[in-house]
Amino acid sequence: MKPTLVILAAGMGSRYGGLKQLDEIGPNGEAIIDYSLFDAIRAGFGKVVFIIRRDFEEAFKAQFDHKLIGNIEVEYVFQELNDLPDGFTIPEGREKPWGTGHAIRAARNAVTTPFAAINADDFYGAEAYATCATFLNNEVSPTLCSMVGYRLDNTLSDHGSVSRGLCVCNEKQNLVDIEELTKITKEDSGIVYLKNETQHPLKGDETVSMNFWGFHQTLFNHLEEGFIEFLKEEGNELKSEFFIPFHVDDLIKANKTQVKVLTSNANWFGVTYKEDKPVVVEKIKELIEAGKYPKKLW
């Protein structure tokens, strides 16, 4: 069976200010998701599952259904605050869902094949989808998943700080640790991240996770167990989040999975801030002029 693409699209983009998942960046009104879908279809993915908020449903269907009919199977699932395991309730005052691990868990009844999980607002490049599809078709197993890694210096914004998962690999190119670094910025002195109010330098050639994962469908069993443990420990904290990189890191340390880091020379870019949009528009234009994409995708 063909692999599935799971797109995490439930966030509002607080730093961006609006529904950036559908913002137009291509010459015919295409969003970044359009390019992700185009790349996934030509890489051989057979289904896309959009993880969205229920109030996004109409906008997403209007944007994508007419383009995708006949090209790829489509399903929509909702990340909702009250989607909790039996025995748990929403703590008083909690307003936001529980993070990327909770979002992927929302697709548990829609995914029956090996799958890739990506962010809606990141442009990963065609090579990343082809590389991940090959892995999902030939190597993935209940004890082996994958992550597409990118060079840190190719993933920064000129308009503010970003958070990145810094990856440590062994000699087999398997992931052994992920450290979530927040507030990474480009300064005159170089690339730095802020920790405990102190700046720490980075070289720029480090491998980072951009949340492009390749999983066996049995991940959902681990997610359920991990989410229950998370809720027991942090569920009453009003802003706690169940992040997928942290969960994968827990699985590695418990010897429940290995994570193969797939290297990609593809360009990554995203729209963390509104000021990033003109840069993305220009890069898409350059890729079209280079023949990487047709001027009109659909």
C-alpha atoms as a PDB file:
ATOM      1  CA  MET A   1       0.000   0.000   0.000  1.00  0.00           C
ATOM      2  CA  LYS A   2       1.127   3.533  -0.687  1.00  0.00           C
ATOM      3  CA  PRO A   3       2.280   5.608   2.300  1.00  0.00           C
ATOM      4  CA  THR A   4       0.154   8.356   3.835  1.00  0.00           C
ATOM      5  CA  LEU A   5       1.049  12.012   4.340  1.00  0.00           C
ATOM      6  CA  VAL A   6      -0.148  13.546   7.617  1.00  0.00           C
ATOM      7  CA  ILE A   7      -0.148  17.364   7.616  1.00  0.00           C
ATOM      8  CA  LEU A   8      -0.196  19.175  10.963  1.00  0.00           C
ATOM      9  CA  ALA A   9      -2.331  22.216  10.193  1.00  0.00           C
ATOM     10  CA  ALA A  10      -4.289  22.955  13.371  1.00  0.00           C
ATOM     11  CA  GLY A  11      -2.154  25.849  14.623  1.00  0.00           C
ATOM     12  CA  MET A  12      -3.145  29.492  14.137  1.00  0.00           C
ATOM     13  CA  GLY A  13       0.354  30.889  13.767  1.00  0.00           C
ATOM     14  CA  SER A  14       0.462  33.218  16.764  1.00  0.00           C
ATOM     15  CA  ARG A  15       3.740  34.841  15.711  1.00  0.00           C
ATOM     16  CA  TYR A  16       2.506  35.153  12.137  1.00  0.00           C
ATOM     17  CA  GLY A  17      -0.905  36.595  12.890  1.00  0.00           C
ATOM     18  CA  GLY A  18      -3.546  34.575  11.036  1.00  0.00           C
ATOM     19  CA  LEU A  19      -4.170  31.354   9.131  1.00  0.00           C
ATOM     20  CA  LYS A  20      -0.782  31.158   7.448  1.00  0.00           C
ATOM     21  CA  GLN A  21      -1.413  27.572   6.323  1.00  0.00           C
ATOM     22  CA  LEU A  22      -3.546  28.937   3.465  1.00  0.00           C
ATOM     23  CA  ASP A  23      -1.614  32.129   2.742  1.00  0.00           C
ATOM     24  CA  GLU A  24      -0.847  32.587  -0.970  1.00  0.00           C
ATOM     25  CA  ILE A  25       2.831  32.313  -1.900  1.00  0.00           C
ATOM     26  CA  GLY A  26       2.705  30.865  -5.449  1.00  0.00           C
ATOM     27  CA  PRO A  27       1.967  32.746  -8.692  1.00  0.00           C
ATOM     28  CA  ASN A  28      -1.571  31.334  -8.917  1.00  0.00           C
ATOM     29  CA  GLY A  29      -2.525  31.622  -5.268  1.00  0.00           C
ATOM     30  CA  GLU A  30      -0.829  28.405  -4.140  1.00  0.00           C
ATOM     31  CA  ALA A  31      -0.077  27.945  -0.430  1.00  0.00           C
ATOM     32  CA  ILE A  32       2.998  26.121   0.847  1.00  0.00           C
ATOM     33  CA  ILE A  33       0.724  23.107   1.437  1.00  0.00           C
ATOM     34  CA  ASP A  34       0.025  22.983  -2.310  1.00  0.00           C
ATOM     35  CA  TYR A  35       3.722  22.429  -2.986  1.00  0.00           C
ATOM     36  CA  SER A  36       3.906  19.809  -0.228  1.00  0.00           C
ATOM     37  CA  LEU A  37       0.978  17.950  -1.772  1.00  0.00           C
ATOM     38  CA  PHE A  38       2.415  18.226  -5.288  1.00  0.00           C
ATOM     39  CA  ASP A  39       5.757  16.821  -4.097  1.00  0.00           C
ATOM     40  CA  ALA A  40       4.085  14.039  -2.092  1.00  0.00           C
ATOM     41  CA  ILE A  41       1.904  12.925  -5.012  1.00  0.00           C
ATOM     42  CA  ARG A  42       4.837  12.683  -7.394  1.00  0.00           C
ATOM     43  CA  ALA A  43       6.820  10.813  -4.704  1.00  0.00           C
ATOM     44  CA  GLY A  44       4.077   8.156  -4.575  1.00  0.00           C
ATOM     45  CA  PHE A  45       2.046   8.958  -1.468  1.00  0.00           C
ATOM     46  CA  GLY A  46      -1.490   7.584  -1.764  1.00  0.00           C
ATOM     47  CA  LYS A  47      -3.408   9.509   0.899  1.00  0.00           C
ATOM     48  CA  VAL A  48      -3.249  12.812   2.738  1.00  0.00           C
ATOM     49  CA  VAL A  49      -4.701  13.346   6.206  1.00  0.00           C
ATOM     50  CA  PHE A  50      -5.142  16.982   7.221  1.00  0.00           C
ATOM     51  CA  ILE A  51      -5.093  17.559  10.978  1.00  0.00           C
ATOM     52  CA  ILE A  52      -6.999  20.800  11.470  1.00  0.00           C
ATOM     53  CA  ARG A  53      -9.284  22.648  13.835  1.00  0.00           C
ATOM     54  CA  ARG A  54     -12.961  22.032  13.235  1.00  0.00           C
ATOM     55  CA  ASP A  55     -13.532  25.691  12.365  1.00  0.00           C
ATOM     56  CA  PHE A  56     -10.911  25.419   9.578  1.00  0.00           C
ATOM     57  CA  GLU A  57     -12.765  22.609   7.794  1.00  0.00           C
ATOM     58  CA  GLU A  58     -14.757  24.680   5.309  1.00  0.00           C
ATOM     59  CA  ALA A  59     -11.751  26.779   4.293  1.00  0.00           C
ATOM     60  CA  PHE A  60      -9.520  23.733   3.815  1.00  0.00           C
ATOM     61  CA  LYS A  61     -12.051  21.801   1.771  1.00  0.00           C
ATOM     62  CA  ALA A  62     -12.661  24.820  -0.454  1.00  0.00           C
ATOM     63  CA  GLN A  63      -8.923  25.222  -0.948  1.00  0.00           C
ATOM     64  CA  PHE A  64      -7.921  21.611  -1.620  1.00  0.00           C
ATOM     65  CA  ASP A  65     -10.747  19.191  -2.436  1.00  0.00           C
ATOM     66  CA  HIS A  66     -11.202  20.222  -6.071  1.00  0.00           C
ATOM     67  CA  LYS A  67      -7.438  20.012  -6.692  1.00  0.00           C
ATOM     68  CA  LEU A  68      -6.892  16.623  -5.091  1.00  0.00           C
ATOM     69  CA  ILE A  69      -9.843  14.576  -6.379  1.00  0.00           C
ATOM     70  CA  GLY A  70      -8.380  11.922  -8.649  1.00  0.00           C
ATOM     71  CA  ASN A  71      -4.825  12.654  -7.509  1.00  0.00           C
ATOM     72  CA  ILE A  72      -4.750  11.434  -3.907  1.00  0.00           C
ATOM     73  CA  GLU A  73      -7.200  10.214  -1.255  1.00  0.00           C
ATOM     74  CA  VAL A  74      -8.090  12.921   1.272  1.00  0.00           C
ATOM     75  CA  GLU A  75      -9.328  12.794   4.867  1.00  0.00           C
ATOM     76  CA  TYR A  76      -9.751  15.517   7.496  1.00  0.00           C
ATOM     77  CA  VAL A  77      -9.397  14.936  11.232  1.00  0.00           C
ATOM     78  CA  PHE A  78      -9.678  17.425  14.064  1.00  0.00           C
ATOM     79  CA  GLN A  79      -7.278  18.182  16.883  1.00  0.00           C
ATOM     80  CA  GLU A  80      -9.592  18.969  19.742  1.00  0.00           C
ATOM     81  CA  LEU A  81      -8.880  19.857  23.338  1.00  0.00           C
ATOM     82  CA  ASN A  82     -11.277  17.216  24.669  1.00  0.00           C
ATOM     83  CA  ASP A  83      -9.751  14.348  22.654  1.00  0.00           C
ATOM     84  CA  LEU A  84      -8.252  12.636  25.690  1.00  0.00           C
ATOM     85  CA  PRO A  85      -7.731   9.026  26.813  1.00  0.00           C
ATOM     86  CA  ASP A  86     -10.340   7.518  29.098  1.00  0.00           C
ATOM     87  CA  GLY A  87     -10.107   8.764  32.658  1.00  0.00           C
ATOM     88  CA  PHE A  88      -8.700  12.217  31.847  1.00  0.00           C
ATOM     89  CA  THR A  89     -10.493  15.557  31.723  1.00  0.00           C
ATOM     90  CA  ILE A  90      -9.571  19.064  30.597  1.00  0.00           C
ATOM     91  CA  PRO A  91      -8.094  21.059  33.494  1.00  0.00           C
ATOM     92  CA  GLU A  92      -9.960  24.245  34.282  1.00  0.00           C
ATOM     93  CA  GLY A  93      -8.457  27.168  32.386  1.00  0.00           C
ATOM     94  CA  ARG A  94      -6.823  25.079  29.616  1.00  0.00           C
ATOM     95  CA  GLU A  95      -7.505  26.695  26.231  1.00  0.00           C
ATOM     96  CA  LYS A  96      -5.068  25.197  23.680  1.00  0.00           C
ATOM     97  CA  PRO A  97      -4.644  21.560  22.548  1.00  0.00           C
ATOM     98  CA  TRP A  98      -1.704  19.531  23.706  1.00  0.00           C
ATOM     99  CA  GLY A  99       0.991  19.910  21.029  1.00  0.00           C
ATOM    100  CA  THR A 100       2.289  18.036  17.999  1.00  0.00           C
ATOM    101  CA  GLY A 101       2.178  14.573  19.576  1.00  0.00           C
ATOM    102  CA  HIS A 102      -1.479  15.119  20.445  1.00  0.00           C
ATOM    103  CA  ALA A 103      -2.073  16.360  16.879  1.00  0.00           C
ATOM    104  CA  ILE A 104      -0.617  13.223  15.273  1.00  0.00           C
ATOM    105  CA  ARG A 105      -2.606  11.092  17.706  1.00  0.00           C
ATOM    106  CA  ALA A 106      -5.765  12.667  16.263  1.00  0.00           C
ATOM    107  CA  ALA A 107      -5.080  10.780  13.014  1.00  0.00           C
ATOM    108  CA  ARG A 108      -5.039   7.359  14.696  1.00  0.00           C
ATOM    109  CA  ASN A 109      -8.258   6.174  13.026  1.00  0.00           C
ATOM    110  CA  ALA A 110      -7.412   7.636   9.613  1.00  0.00           C
ATOM    111  CA  VAL A 111      -3.943   6.144   9.036  1.00  0.00           C
ATOM    112  CA  THR A 112      -3.524   2.453   8.208  1.00  0.00           C
ATOM    113  CA  THR A 113      -0.164   2.513   6.361  1.00  0.00           C
ATOM    114  CA  PRO A 114       3.336   3.791   7.092  1.00  0.00           C
ATOM    115  CA  PHE A 115       3.178   7.573   7.081  1.00  0.00           C
ATOM    116  CA  ALA A 116       5.094  10.820   6.973  1.00  0.00           C
ATOM    117  CA  ALA A 117       4.165  13.675   9.300  1.00  0.00           C
ATOM    118  CA  ILE A 118       4.987  17.282   8.367  1.00  0.00           C
ATOM    119  CA  ASN A 119       4.217  20.860   9.369  1.00  0.00           C
ATOM    120  CA  ALA A 120       1.725  22.692   7.164  1.00  0.00           C
ATOM    121  CA  ASP A 121       3.729  25.890   6.945  1.00  0.00           C
ATOM    122  CA  ASP A 122       7.164  24.474   6.028  1.00  0.00           C
ATOM    123  CA  PHE A 123       8.514  24.013   2.501  1.00  0.00           C
ATOM    124  CA  TYR A 124      10.654  20.881   2.590  1.00  0.00           C
ATOM    125  CA  GLY A 125      11.584  20.343  -1.071  1.00  0.00           C
ATOM    126  CA  ALA A 126      10.789  17.533  -3.503  1.00  0.00           C
ATOM    127  CA  GLU A 127      13.855  15.477  -2.565  1.00  0.00           C
ATOM    128  CA  ALA A 128      12.689  15.161   1.038  1.00  0.00           C
ATOM    129  CA  TYR A 129       9.388  13.543  -0.003  1.00  0.00           C
ATOM    130  CA  ALA A 130      11.087  11.175  -2.455  1.00  0.00           C
ATOM    131  CA  THR A 131      13.665  10.138   0.158  1.00  0.00           C
ATOM    132  CA  CYS A 132      11.041   9.588   2.845  1.00  0.00           C
ATOM    133  CA  ALA A 133       8.740   7.673   0.481  1.00  0.00           C
ATOM    134  CA  THR A 134      11.580   5.292  -0.383  1.00  0.00           C
ATOM    135  CA  PHE A 135      12.189   4.704   3.321  1.00  0.00           C
ATOM    136  CA  LEU A 136       8.475   4.140   4.046  1.00  0.00           C
ATOM    137  CA  ASN A 137       8.153   1.690   1.148  1.00  0.00           C
ATOM    138  CA  ASN A 138      11.301  -0.308   1.854  1.00  0.00           C
ATOM    139  CA  GLU A 139      12.708   0.079   5.362  1.00  0.00           C
ATOM    140  CA  VAL A 140      10.199   1.274   7.949  1.00  0.00           C
ATOM    141  CA  SER A 141       9.185  -1.167  10.678  1.00  0.00           C
ATOM    142  CA  PRO A 142       7.615  -1.058  14.153  1.00  0.00           C
ATOM    143  CA  THR A 143      11.142  -0.546  15.536  1.00  0.00           C
ATOM    144  CA  LEU A 144      12.613   1.728  12.832  1.00  0.00           C
ATOM    145  CA  CYS A 145      11.329   5.170  11.896  1.00  0.00           C
ATOM    146  CA  SER A 146      12.998   8.145  10.230  1.00  0.00           C
ATOM    147  CA  MET A 147      13.520  11.869  10.308  1.00  0.00           C
ATOM    148  CA  VAL A 148      14.579  14.147   7.460  1.00  0.00           C
ATOM    149  CA  GLY A 149      17.433  16.298   8.736  1.00  0.00           C
ATOM    150  CA  TYR A 150      18.442  19.775   7.586  1.00  0.00           C
ATOM    151  CA  ARG A 151      21.456  22.018   8.163  1.00  0.00           C
ATOM    152  CA  LEU A 152      20.696  24.510  10.900  1.00  0.00           C
ATOM    153  CA  ASP A 153      21.977  27.523   8.952  1.00  0.00           C
ATOM    154  CA  ASN A 154      19.512  26.772   6.152  1.00  0.00           C
ATOM    155  CA  THR A 155      16.524  26.918   8.502  1.00  0.00           C
ATOM    156  CA  LEU A 156      16.795  30.309  10.199  1.00  0.00           C
ATOM    157  CA  SER A 157      14.714  33.456   9.855  1.00  0.00           C
ATOM    158  CA  ASP A 158      16.077  36.944   9.317  1.00  0.00           C
ATOM    159  CA  HIS A 159      13.099  38.352  11.191  1.00  0.00           C
ATOM    160  CA  GLY A 160      13.165  36.779  14.627  1.00  0.00           C
ATOM    161  CA  SER A 161      14.089  33.780  16.734  1.00  0.00           C
ATOM    162  CA  VAL A 162      13.178  30.160  15.934  1.00  0.00           C
ATOM    163  CA  SER A 163      13.087  26.881  17.854  1.00  0.00           C
ATOM    164  CA  ARG A 164      14.840  23.827  16.430  1.00  0.00           C
ATOM    165  CA  GLY A 165      15.413  20.239  17.506  1.00  0.00           C
ATOM    166  CA  LEU A 166      19.192  19.705  17.524  1.00  0.00           C
ATOM    167  CA  CYS A 167      20.034  16.124  16.525  1.00  0.00           C
ATOM    168  CA  VAL A 168      22.885  13.941  17.727  1.00  0.00           C
ATOM    169  CA  CYS A 169      23.560  10.862  15.555  1.00  0.00           C
ATOM    170  CA  ASN A 170      25.726   7.773  15.932  1.00  0.00           C
ATOM    171  CA  GLU A 171      28.049   6.245  13.339  1.00  0.00           C
ATOM    172  CA  LYS A 172      25.085   4.508  11.662  1.00  0.00           C
ATOM    173  CA  GLN A 173      23.321   7.864  11.136  1.00  0.00           C
ATOM    174  CA  ASN A 174      20.711   6.872  13.692  1.00  0.00           C
ATOM    175  CA  LEU A 175      19.390   9.485  16.069  1.00  0.00           C
ATOM    176  CA  VAL A 176      20.548   9.151  19.655  1.00  0.00           C
ATOM    177  CA  ASP A 177      19.325  12.439  21.106  1.00  0.00           C
ATOM    178  CA  ILE A 178      17.230  15.524  20.304  1.00  0.00           C
ATOM    179  CA  GLU A 179      17.726  18.730  22.236  1.00  0.00           C
ATOM    180  CA  GLU A 180      15.023  21.320  21.716  1.00  0.00           C
ATOM    181  CA  LEU A 181      16.763  24.697  21.407  1.00  0.00           C
ATOM    182  CA  THR A 182      14.570  27.767  21.638  1.00  0.00           C
ATOM    183  CA  LYS A 183      15.268  31.378  20.665  1.00  0.00           C
ATOM    184  CA  ILE A 184      17.906  30.672  18.012  1.00  0.00           C
ATOM    185  CA  THR A 185      18.919  33.856  16.201  1.00  0.00           C
ATOM    186  CA  LYS A 186      21.448  35.134  13.681  1.00  0.00           C
ATOM    187  CA  GLU A 187      23.627  37.803  15.293  1.00  0.00           C
ATOM    188  CA  ASP A 188      26.626  39.771  14.041  1.00  0.00           C
ATOM    189  CA  SER A 189      28.783  37.360  16.008  1.00  0.00           C
ATOM    190  CA  GLY A 190      27.155  34.304  14.415  1.00  0.00           C
ATOM    191  CA  ILE A 191      24.319  31.904  15.257  1.00  0.00           C
ATOM    192  CA  VAL A 192      23.369  31.715  18.932  1.00  0.00           C
ATOM    193  CA  TYR A 193      20.649  30.294  21.129  1.00  0.00           C
ATOM    194  CA  LEU A 194      19.409  31.574  24.451  1.00  0.00           C
ATOM    195  CA  LYS A 195      19.376  29.316  27.488  1.00  0.00           C
ATOM    196  CA  ASN A 196      19.016  30.479  31.086  1.00  0.00           C
ATOM    197  CA  GLU A 197      19.333  34.087  29.867  1.00  0.00           C
ATOM    198  CA  THR A 198      22.778  33.309  28.395  1.00  0.00           C
ATOM    199  CA  GLN A 199      23.730  33.204  24.706  1.00  0.00           C
ATOM    200  CA  HIS A 200      25.437  30.029  23.470  1.00  0.00           C
ATOM    201  CA  PRO A 201      27.131  29.777  20.033  1.00  0.00           C
ATOM    202  CA  LEU A 202      26.264  27.327  17.263  1.00  0.00           C
ATOM    203  CA  LYS A 203      28.316  26.536  14.148  1.00  0.00           C
ATOM    204  CA  GLY A 204      25.480  26.338  11.619  1.00  0.00           C
ATOM    205  CA  ASP A 205      26.265  22.908  10.177  1.00  0.00           C
ATOM    206  CA  GLU A 206      24.404  21.060  12.923  1.00  0.00           C
ATOM    207  CA  THR A 207      21.615  18.706  11.842  1.00  0.00           C
ATOM    208  CA  VAL A 208      18.193  19.826  13.013  1.00  0.00           C
ATOM    209  CA  SER A 209      14.720  18.387  12.892  1.00  0.00           C
ATOM    210  CA  MET A 210      12.083  20.375  11.009  1.00  0.00           C
ATOM    211  CA  ASN A 211       9.322  17.947  12.037  1.00  0.00           C
ATOM    212  CA  PHE A 212       9.460  15.810   8.886  1.00  0.00           C
ATOM    213  CA  TRP A 213       9.045  12.285  10.258  1.00  0.00           C
ATOM    214  CA  GLY A 214       8.534   8.852   8.745  1.00  0.00           C
ATOM    215  CA  PHE A 215       6.653   6.397  10.980  1.00  0.00           C
ATOM    216  CA  HIS A 216       5.208   2.907  10.999  1.00  0.00           C
ATOM    217  CA  GLN A 217       1.511   2.952  11.807  1.00  0.00           C
ATOM    218  CA  THR A 218       2.187   1.160  15.099  1.00  0.00           C
ATOM    219  CA  LEU A 219       3.487   4.516  16.382  1.00  0.00           C
ATOM    220  CA  PHE A 220      -0.087   5.265  17.472  1.00  0.00           C
ATOM    221  CA  ASN A 221       0.168   2.588  20.164  1.00  0.00           C
ATOM    222  CA  HIS A 222       3.287   4.265  21.562  1.00  0.00           C
ATOM    223  CA  LEU A 223       1.662   7.700  21.274  1.00  0.00           C
ATOM    224  CA  GLU A 224      -1.275   6.582  23.380  1.00  0.00           C
ATOM    225  CA  GLU A 225       0.998   5.229  26.100  1.00  0.00           C
ATOM    226  CA  GLY A 226       3.224   8.309  25.976  1.00  0.00           C
ATOM    227  CA  PHE A 227       0.321  10.737  26.069  1.00  0.00           C
ATOM    228  CA  ILE A 228      -1.154   9.027  29.124  1.00  0.00           C
ATOM    229  CA  GLU A 229       2.197   9.336  30.933  1.00  0.00           C
ATOM    230  CA  PHE A 230       2.460  12.971  29.860  1.00  0.00           C
ATOM    231  CA  LEU A 231      -1.016  13.766  31.179  1.00  0.00           C
ATOM    232  CA  LYS A 232      -0.216  12.114  34.509  1.00  0.00           C
ATOM    233  CA  GLU A 233       2.945  14.193  34.902  1.00  0.00           C
ATOM    234  CA  GLU A 234       2.123  17.504  33.195  1.00  0.00           C
ATOM    235  CA  GLY A 235      -1.569  17.406  32.318  1.00  0.00           C
ATOM    236  CA  ASN A 236      -2.577  19.979  34.919  1.00  0.00           C
ATOM    237  CA  GLU A 237      -0.089  22.566  33.630  1.00  0.00           C
ATOM    238  CA  LEU A 238      -2.184  24.912  31.504  1.00  0.00           C
ATOM    239  CA  LYS A 239       0.432  25.442  28.775  1.00  0.00           C
ATOM    240  CA  SER A 240       2.199  22.074  28.752  1.00  0.00           C
ATOM    241  CA  GLU A 241       2.620  20.418  25.334  1.00  0.00           C
ATOM    242  CA  PHE A 242       3.193  16.822  24.226  1.00  0.00           C
ATOM    243  CA  PHE A 243       5.842  17.394  21.527  1.00  0.00           C
ATOM    244  CA  ILE A 244       6.516  14.652  18.977  1.00  0.00           C
ATOM    245  CA  PRO A 245      10.346  15.106  19.111  1.00  0.00           C
ATOM    246  CA  PHE A 246      10.309  14.610  22.882  1.00  0.00           C
ATOM    247  CA  HIS A 247       8.162  11.490  22.508  1.00  0.00           C
ATOM    248  CA  VAL A 248      10.480  10.048  19.850  1.00  0.00           C
ATOM    249  CA  ASP A 249      13.428  10.806  22.126  1.00  0.00           C
ATOM    250  CA  ASP A 250      11.696   8.860  24.927  1.00  0.00           C
ATOM    251  CA  LEU A 251      11.177   5.903  22.571  1.00  0.00           C
ATOM    252  CA  ILE A 252      14.846   5.906  21.584  1.00  0.00           C
ATOM    253  CA  LYS A 253      16.004   5.972  25.191  1.00  0.00           C
ATOM    254  CA  ALA A 254      13.582   3.134  26.061  1.00  0.00           C
ATOM    255  CA  ASN A 255      15.004   1.056  23.157  1.00  0.00           C
ATOM    256  CA  LYS A 256      11.552   0.881  21.583  1.00  0.00           C
ATOM    257  CA  THR A 257      12.641   2.345  18.261  1.00  0.00           C
ATOM    258  CA  GLN A 258      15.588   3.496  16.213  1.00  0.00           C
ATOM    259  CA  VAL A 259      15.391   6.648  14.105  1.00  0.00           C
ATOM    260  CA  LYS A 260      17.275   6.786  10.818  1.00  0.00           C
ATOM    261  CA  VAL A 261      18.252  10.342   9.898  1.00  0.00           C
ATOM    262  CA  LEU A 262      17.644  10.859   6.185  1.00  0.00           C
ATOM    263  CA  THR A 263      19.825  13.588   4.750  1.00  0.00           C
ATOM    264  CA  SER A 264      18.325  15.916   2.177  1.00  0.00           C
ATOM    265  CA  ASN A 265      19.945  18.519  -0.033  1.00  0.00           C
ATOM    266  CA  ALA A 266      16.526  20.030  -0.671  1.00  0.00           C
ATOM    267  CA  ASN A 267      15.894  23.636   0.256  1.00  0.00           C
ATOM    268  CA  TRP A 268      13.857  24.238   3.411  1.00  0.00           C
ATOM    269  CA  PHE A 269      12.071  27.474   4.100  1.00  0.00           C
ATOM    270  CA  GLY A 270       9.065  28.573   6.085  1.00  0.00           C
ATOM    271  CA  VAL A 271       6.948  31.502   7.183  1.00  0.00           C
ATOM    272  CA  THR A 272       7.391  31.877  10.911  1.00  0.00           C
ATOM    273  CA  TYR A 273       6.860  35.638  10.693  1.00  0.00           C
ATOM    274  CA  LYS A 274       4.923  37.804   8.244  1.00  0.00           C
ATOM    275  CA  GLU A 275       8.223  39.341   7.169  1.00  0.00           C
ATOM    276  CA  ASP A 276       9.337  35.904   5.928  1.00  0.00           C
ATOM    277  CA  LYS A 277       6.602  35.774   3.271  1.00  0.00           C
ATOM    278  CA  PRO A 278       8.288  37.917   0.565  1.00  0.00           C
ATOM    279  CA  VAL A 279      11.411  35.730   0.860  1.00  0.00           C
ATOM    280  CA  VAL A 280       9.334  32.574   0.391  1.00  0.00           C
ATOM    281  CA  VAL A 281       7.490  34.059  -2.576  1.00  0.00           C
ATOM    282  CA  GLU A 282      10.822  34.881  -4.235  1.00  0.00           C
ATOM    283  CA  LYS A 283      12.261  31.413  -3.569  1.00  0.00           C
ATOM    284  CA  ILE A 284       9.193  29.733  -5.067  1.00  0.00           C
ATOM    285  CA  LYS A 285       9.581  31.976  -8.130  1.00  0.00           C
ATOM    286  CA  GLU A 286      13.219  30.916  -8.465  1.00  0.00           C
ATOM    287  CA  LEU A 287      12.301  27.209  -8.255  1.00  0.00           C
ATOM    288  CA  ILE A 288       9.658  27.656 -10.959  1.00  0.00           C
ATOM    289  CA  GLU A 289      12.144  29.469 -13.201  1.00  0.00           C
ATOM    290  CA  ALA A 290      14.622  26.614 -12.622  1.00  0.00           C
ATOM    291  CA  GLY A 291      12.029  24.109 -13.840  1.00  0.00           C
ATOM    292  CA  LYS A 292      11.496  22.430 -10.459  1.00  0.00           C
ATOM    293  CA  TYR A 293       7.744  23.212 -10.482  1.00  0.00           C
ATOM    294  CA  PRO A 294       5.227  24.174 -13.152  1.00  0.00           C
ATOM    295  CA  LYS A 295       4.024  27.766 -12.995  1.00  0.00           C
ATOM    296  CA  LYS A 296       0.501  26.429 -12.330  1.00  0.00           C
ATOM    297  CA  LEU A 297       0.505  23.389 -10.060  1.00  0.00           C
ATOM    298  CA  TRP A 298      -3.041  22.144 -10.558  1.00  0.00           C
END
